[in-house]
Amino acid sequence: MKHEAKILIVDDEPAAIQMMRKTLQGMGVLRYATGGQEALALVASDPPDLILLDANMPVMDGFATCRALQRDHAGIPVVFVTASGDFAHEIRALEAGASDFISKPINPPVVRARAAMHLKFKTQSDLLRQLCNRDPLTGVANRRALEERR
């Protein structure tokens, strides 16, 4: 059975969420959050495979959200999608742990292609993590897996 990708869109603007929903429709299960704290709660309860995150949000901005995600959920790729498209914001996003950076207004085919690429990388990374923690003959957890559980 094939795993259906879970994508979390985090933006405080409903119009931006709707645009991303239309752009990513059919790529997996889409969920939405309108702020950093809400996003962190959703990720803690049901981790997505990809997060698309706005930088400029009230209370907890995207950079603080991304740092918290990297601390607690480092295996989930985070793509910044923001109107702040200058190099300083892009560098700040990458330093916070983002996997990619897309400037608004978005180009839907580019967003779909980048999302597909990050979902593919996530699938491969998850498979590699599984393979390196299991004995290839028996499928039983190996020493590395046991050490990580400590």
C-alpha atoms as a PDB file:
ATOM      1  CA  MET A   1       0.000   0.000   0.000  1.00  0.00           C
ATOM      2  CA  LYS A   2       1.404   3.361  -1.005  1.00  0.00           C
ATOM      3  CA  HIS A   3       1.706   6.065   1.625  1.00  0.00           C
ATOM      4  CA  GLU A   4      -0.256   9.228   0.822  1.00  0.00           C
ATOM      5  CA  ALA A   5       1.861  12.294   1.483  1.00  0.00           C
ATOM      6  CA  LYS A   6       0.799  14.712   4.219  1.00  0.00           C
ATOM      7  CA  ILE A   7       1.476  18.385   3.521  1.00  0.00           C
ATOM      8  CA  LEU A   8       1.070  21.185   6.056  1.00  0.00           C
ATOM      9  CA  ILE A   9       0.553  24.739   4.782  1.00  0.00           C
ATOM     10  CA  VAL A  10       1.262  27.441   7.374  1.00  0.00           C
ATOM     11  CA  ASP A  11       0.214  31.006   6.541  1.00  0.00           C
ATOM     12  CA  ASP A  12      -1.763  33.690   8.345  1.00  0.00           C
ATOM     13  CA  GLU A  13      -3.436  34.889   5.120  1.00  0.00           C
ATOM     14  CA  PRO A  14      -6.497  32.855   4.016  1.00  0.00           C
ATOM     15  CA  ALA A  15      -5.984  33.890   0.371  1.00  0.00           C
ATOM     16  CA  ALA A  16      -2.438  32.510   0.420  1.00  0.00           C
ATOM     17  CA  ILE A  17      -3.662  29.241   1.931  1.00  0.00           C
ATOM     18  CA  GLN A  18      -6.318  28.945  -0.776  1.00  0.00           C
ATOM     19  CA  MET A  19      -3.756  29.564  -3.522  1.00  0.00           C
ATOM     20  CA  MET A  20      -1.464  26.891  -2.078  1.00  0.00           C
ATOM     21  CA  ARG A  21      -4.426  24.514  -1.701  1.00  0.00           C
ATOM     22  CA  LYS A  22      -5.271  24.905  -5.396  1.00  0.00           C
ATOM     23  CA  THR A  23      -1.621  24.541  -6.365  1.00  0.00           C
ATOM     24  CA  LEU A  24      -0.980  21.374  -4.341  1.00  0.00           C
ATOM     25  CA  GLN A  25      -4.359  19.703  -4.797  1.00  0.00           C
ATOM     26  CA  GLY A  26      -3.939  16.024  -5.627  1.00  0.00           C
ATOM     27  CA  MET A  27      -0.414  15.761  -4.200  1.00  0.00           C
ATOM     28  CA  GLY A  28      -1.547  14.351  -0.865  1.00  0.00           C
ATOM     29  CA  VAL A  29      -3.526  15.149   2.248  1.00  0.00           C
ATOM     30  CA  LEU A  30      -3.426  18.905   2.830  1.00  0.00           C
ATOM     31  CA  ARG A  31      -3.679  20.432   6.291  1.00  0.00           C
ATOM     32  CA  TYR A  32      -3.536  24.072   7.291  1.00  0.00           C
ATOM     33  CA  ALA A  33      -2.374  26.234  10.182  1.00  0.00           C
ATOM     34  CA  THR A  34      -2.632  30.007  10.508  1.00  0.00           C
ATOM     35  CA  GLY A  35       0.254  30.463  12.943  1.00  0.00           C
ATOM     36  CA  GLY A  36       3.440  28.961  14.293  1.00  0.00           C
ATOM     37  CA  GLN A  37       2.011  27.586  17.538  1.00  0.00           C
ATOM     38  CA  GLU A  38      -0.877  25.920  15.719  1.00  0.00           C
ATOM     39  CA  ALA A  39       1.584  24.400  13.235  1.00  0.00           C
ATOM     40  CA  LEU A  40       3.777  23.004  16.015  1.00  0.00           C
ATOM     41  CA  ALA A  41       0.737  21.423  17.682  1.00  0.00           C
ATOM     42  CA  LEU A  42      -0.366  19.802  14.406  1.00  0.00           C
ATOM     43  CA  VAL A  43       3.133  18.484  13.726  1.00  0.00           C
ATOM     44  CA  ALA A  44       3.392  17.046  17.247  1.00  0.00           C
ATOM     45  CA  SER A  45       0.083  15.206  16.910  1.00  0.00           C
ATOM     46  CA  ASP A  46       0.506  13.948  13.324  1.00  0.00           C
ATOM     47  CA  PRO A  47       3.822  14.766  11.608  1.00  0.00           C
ATOM     48  CA  PRO A  48       3.499  15.748   7.949  1.00  0.00           C
ATOM     49  CA  ASP A  49       5.908  14.819   5.160  1.00  0.00           C
ATOM     50  CA  LEU A  50       6.366  18.433   4.036  1.00  0.00           C
ATOM     51  CA  ILE A  51       5.736  21.865   5.539  1.00  0.00           C
ATOM     52  CA  LEU A  52       5.229  25.018   3.479  1.00  0.00           C
ATOM     53  CA  LEU A  53       5.775  27.951   5.820  1.00  0.00           C
ATOM     54  CA  ASP A  54       5.264  31.711   5.572  1.00  0.00           C
ATOM     55  CA  ALA A  55       7.933  33.887   7.208  1.00  0.00           C
ATOM     56  CA  ASN A  56       5.789  36.853   8.254  1.00  0.00           C
ATOM     57  CA  MET A  57       3.189  35.802  10.786  1.00  0.00           C
ATOM     58  CA  PRO A  58       2.065  37.447  14.025  1.00  0.00           C
ATOM     59  CA  VAL A  59       3.016  36.082  17.458  1.00  0.00           C
ATOM     60  CA  MET A  60       5.456  33.386  16.235  1.00  0.00           C
ATOM     61  CA  ASP A  61       7.063  34.127  12.881  1.00  0.00           C
ATOM     62  CA  GLY A  62       8.185  31.508  10.391  1.00  0.00           C
ATOM     63  CA  PHE A  63      11.836  31.681  11.435  1.00  0.00           C
ATOM     64  CA  ALA A  64      11.061  30.851  15.081  1.00  0.00           C
ATOM     65  CA  THR A  65       8.639  28.154  13.934  1.00  0.00           C
ATOM     66  CA  CYS A  66      11.283  26.633  11.664  1.00  0.00           C
ATOM     67  CA  ARG A  67      13.885  26.595  14.442  1.00  0.00           C
ATOM     68  CA  ALA A  68      11.396  24.828  16.755  1.00  0.00           C
ATOM     69  CA  LEU A  69      10.596  22.315  14.017  1.00  0.00           C
ATOM     70  CA  GLN A  70      14.284  21.619  13.434  1.00  0.00           C
ATOM     71  CA  ARG A  71      14.822  21.078  17.144  1.00  0.00           C
ATOM     72  CA  ASP A  72      11.927  18.626  17.575  1.00  0.00           C
ATOM     73  CA  HIS A  73      11.174  17.276  14.066  1.00  0.00           C
ATOM     74  CA  ALA A  74      14.383  17.617  12.048  1.00  0.00           C
ATOM     75  CA  GLY A  75      13.399  14.976   9.502  1.00  0.00           C
ATOM     76  CA  ILE A  76      10.538  17.021   8.064  1.00  0.00           C
ATOM     77  CA  PRO A  77      11.498  19.284   5.157  1.00  0.00           C
ATOM     78  CA  VAL A  78      10.395  22.915   5.555  1.00  0.00           C
ATOM     79  CA  VAL A  79       9.966  25.160   2.526  1.00  0.00           C
ATOM     80  CA  PHE A  80       9.551  28.871   3.120  1.00  0.00           C
ATOM     81  CA  VAL A  81       6.937  30.464   0.853  1.00  0.00           C
ATOM     82  CA  THR A  82       6.989  34.181   1.524  1.00  0.00           C
ATOM     83  CA  ALA A  83       6.619  37.652   0.051  1.00  0.00           C
ATOM     84  CA  SER A  84       9.915  38.622   1.691  1.00  0.00           C
ATOM     85  CA  GLY A  85      11.968  37.449  -1.262  1.00  0.00           C
ATOM     86  CA  ASP A  86      15.238  39.264  -0.664  1.00  0.00           C
ATOM     87  CA  PHE A  87      18.527  37.450  -0.117  1.00  0.00           C
ATOM     88  CA  ALA A  88      18.686  38.342   3.586  1.00  0.00           C
ATOM     89  CA  HIS A  89      15.356  36.576   4.256  1.00  0.00           C
ATOM     90  CA  GLU A  90      16.395  33.607   2.148  1.00  0.00           C
ATOM     91  CA  ILE A  91      19.679  33.222   4.034  1.00  0.00           C
ATOM     92  CA  ARG A  92      17.878  33.648   7.362  1.00  0.00           C
ATOM     93  CA  ALA A  93      15.386  30.920   6.375  1.00  0.00           C
ATOM     94  CA  LEU A  94      18.122  28.508   5.336  1.00  0.00           C
ATOM     95  CA  GLU A  95      20.066  29.222   8.541  1.00  0.00           C
ATOM     96  CA  ALA A  96      16.898  28.459  10.537  1.00  0.00           C
ATOM     97  CA  GLY A  97      16.862  25.014   8.927  1.00  0.00           C
ATOM     98  CA  ALA A  98      14.650  25.421   5.855  1.00  0.00           C
ATOM     99  CA  SER A  99      15.169  23.041   2.952  1.00  0.00           C
ATOM    100  CA  ASP A 100      14.099  25.523   0.299  1.00  0.00           C
ATOM    101  CA  PHE A 101      12.787  29.039  -0.278  1.00  0.00           C
ATOM    102  CA  ILE A 102      10.058  30.199  -2.684  1.00  0.00           C
ATOM    103  CA  SER A 103       9.123  33.856  -3.201  1.00  0.00           C
ATOM    104  CA  LYS A 104       5.551  35.084  -3.537  1.00  0.00           C
ATOM    105  CA  PRO A 105       3.739  35.553  -5.793  1.00  0.00           C
ATOM    106  CA  ILE A 106       4.172  31.873  -6.467  1.00  0.00           C
ATOM    107  CA  ASN A 107       4.444  30.134  -9.811  1.00  0.00           C
ATOM    108  CA  PRO A 108       2.175  27.070  -9.323  1.00  0.00           C
ATOM    109  CA  PRO A 109       4.094  24.652 -11.592  1.00  0.00           C
ATOM    110  CA  VAL A 110       7.354  25.536  -9.824  1.00  0.00           C
ATOM    111  CA  VAL A 111       5.771  25.066  -6.386  1.00  0.00           C
ATOM    112  CA  ARG A 112       4.346  21.675  -7.433  1.00  0.00           C
ATOM    113  CA  ALA A 113       7.719  20.572  -8.838  1.00  0.00           C
ATOM    114  CA  ARG A 114       9.613  21.623  -5.716  1.00  0.00           C
ATOM    115  CA  ALA A 115       7.029  20.038  -3.419  1.00  0.00           C
ATOM    116  CA  ALA A 116       7.233  16.791  -5.410  1.00  0.00           C
ATOM    117  CA  MET A 117      11.035  16.871  -5.191  1.00  0.00           C
ATOM    118  CA  HIS A 118      10.994  17.386  -1.404  1.00  0.00           C
ATOM    119  CA  LEU A 119       8.387  14.640  -0.929  1.00  0.00           C
ATOM    120  CA  LYS A 120      10.546  12.275  -2.989  1.00  0.00           C
ATOM    121  CA  PHE A 121      13.627  13.134  -0.919  1.00  0.00           C
ATOM    122  CA  LYS A 122      11.631  12.617   2.297  1.00  0.00           C
ATOM    123  CA  THR A 123      10.449   9.190   1.132  1.00  0.00           C
ATOM    124  CA  GLN A 124      14.002   8.189   0.222  1.00  0.00           C
ATOM    125  CA  SER A 125      15.371   9.510   3.515  1.00  0.00           C
ATOM    126  CA  ASP A 126      12.744   7.605   5.506  1.00  0.00           C
ATOM    127  CA  LEU A 127      13.526   4.397   3.598  1.00  0.00           C
ATOM    128  CA  LEU A 128      17.250   4.845   4.138  1.00  0.00           C
ATOM    129  CA  ARG A 129      16.668   5.433   7.865  1.00  0.00           C
ATOM    130  CA  GLN A 130      14.599   2.231   8.049  1.00  0.00           C
ATOM    131  CA  LEU A 131      17.197   0.215   6.175  1.00  0.00           C
ATOM    132  CA  CYS A 132      20.102   1.356   8.324  1.00  0.00           C
ATOM    133  CA  ASN A 133      18.234   0.441  11.517  1.00  0.00           C
ATOM    134  CA  ARG A 134      17.260  -3.114  10.518  1.00  0.00           C
ATOM    135  CA  ASP A 135      19.180  -6.304   9.942  1.00  0.00           C
ATOM    136  CA  PRO A 136      18.796  -7.023   6.207  1.00  0.00           C
ATOM    137  CA  LEU A 137      18.362 -10.770   6.708  1.00  0.00           C
ATOM    138  CA  THR A 138      15.958 -10.928   9.654  1.00  0.00           C
ATOM    139  CA  GLY A 139      14.378  -7.453   9.602  1.00  0.00           C
ATOM    140  CA  VAL A 140      15.001  -7.193  13.352  1.00  0.00           C
ATOM    141  CA  ALA A 141      16.155  -3.895  14.821  1.00  0.00           C
ATOM    142  CA  ASN A 142      19.949  -3.697  14.854  1.00  0.00           C
ATOM    143  CA  ARG A 143      22.270  -2.195  17.440  1.00  0.00           C
ATOM    144  CA  ARG A 144      22.027   1.291  15.869  1.00  0.00           C
ATOM    145  CA  ALA A 145      18.245   1.249  16.287  1.00  0.00           C
ATOM    146  CA  LEU A 146      18.539   0.126  19.884  1.00  0.00           C
ATOM    147  CA  GLU A 147      21.116   2.838  20.663  1.00  0.00           C
ATOM    148  CA  GLU A 148      18.863   5.528  19.150  1.00  0.00           C
ATOM    149  CA  ARG A 149      15.975   4.494  21.415  1.00  0.00           C
ATOM    150  CA  ARG A 150      18.000   5.218  24.555  1.00  0.00           C
END
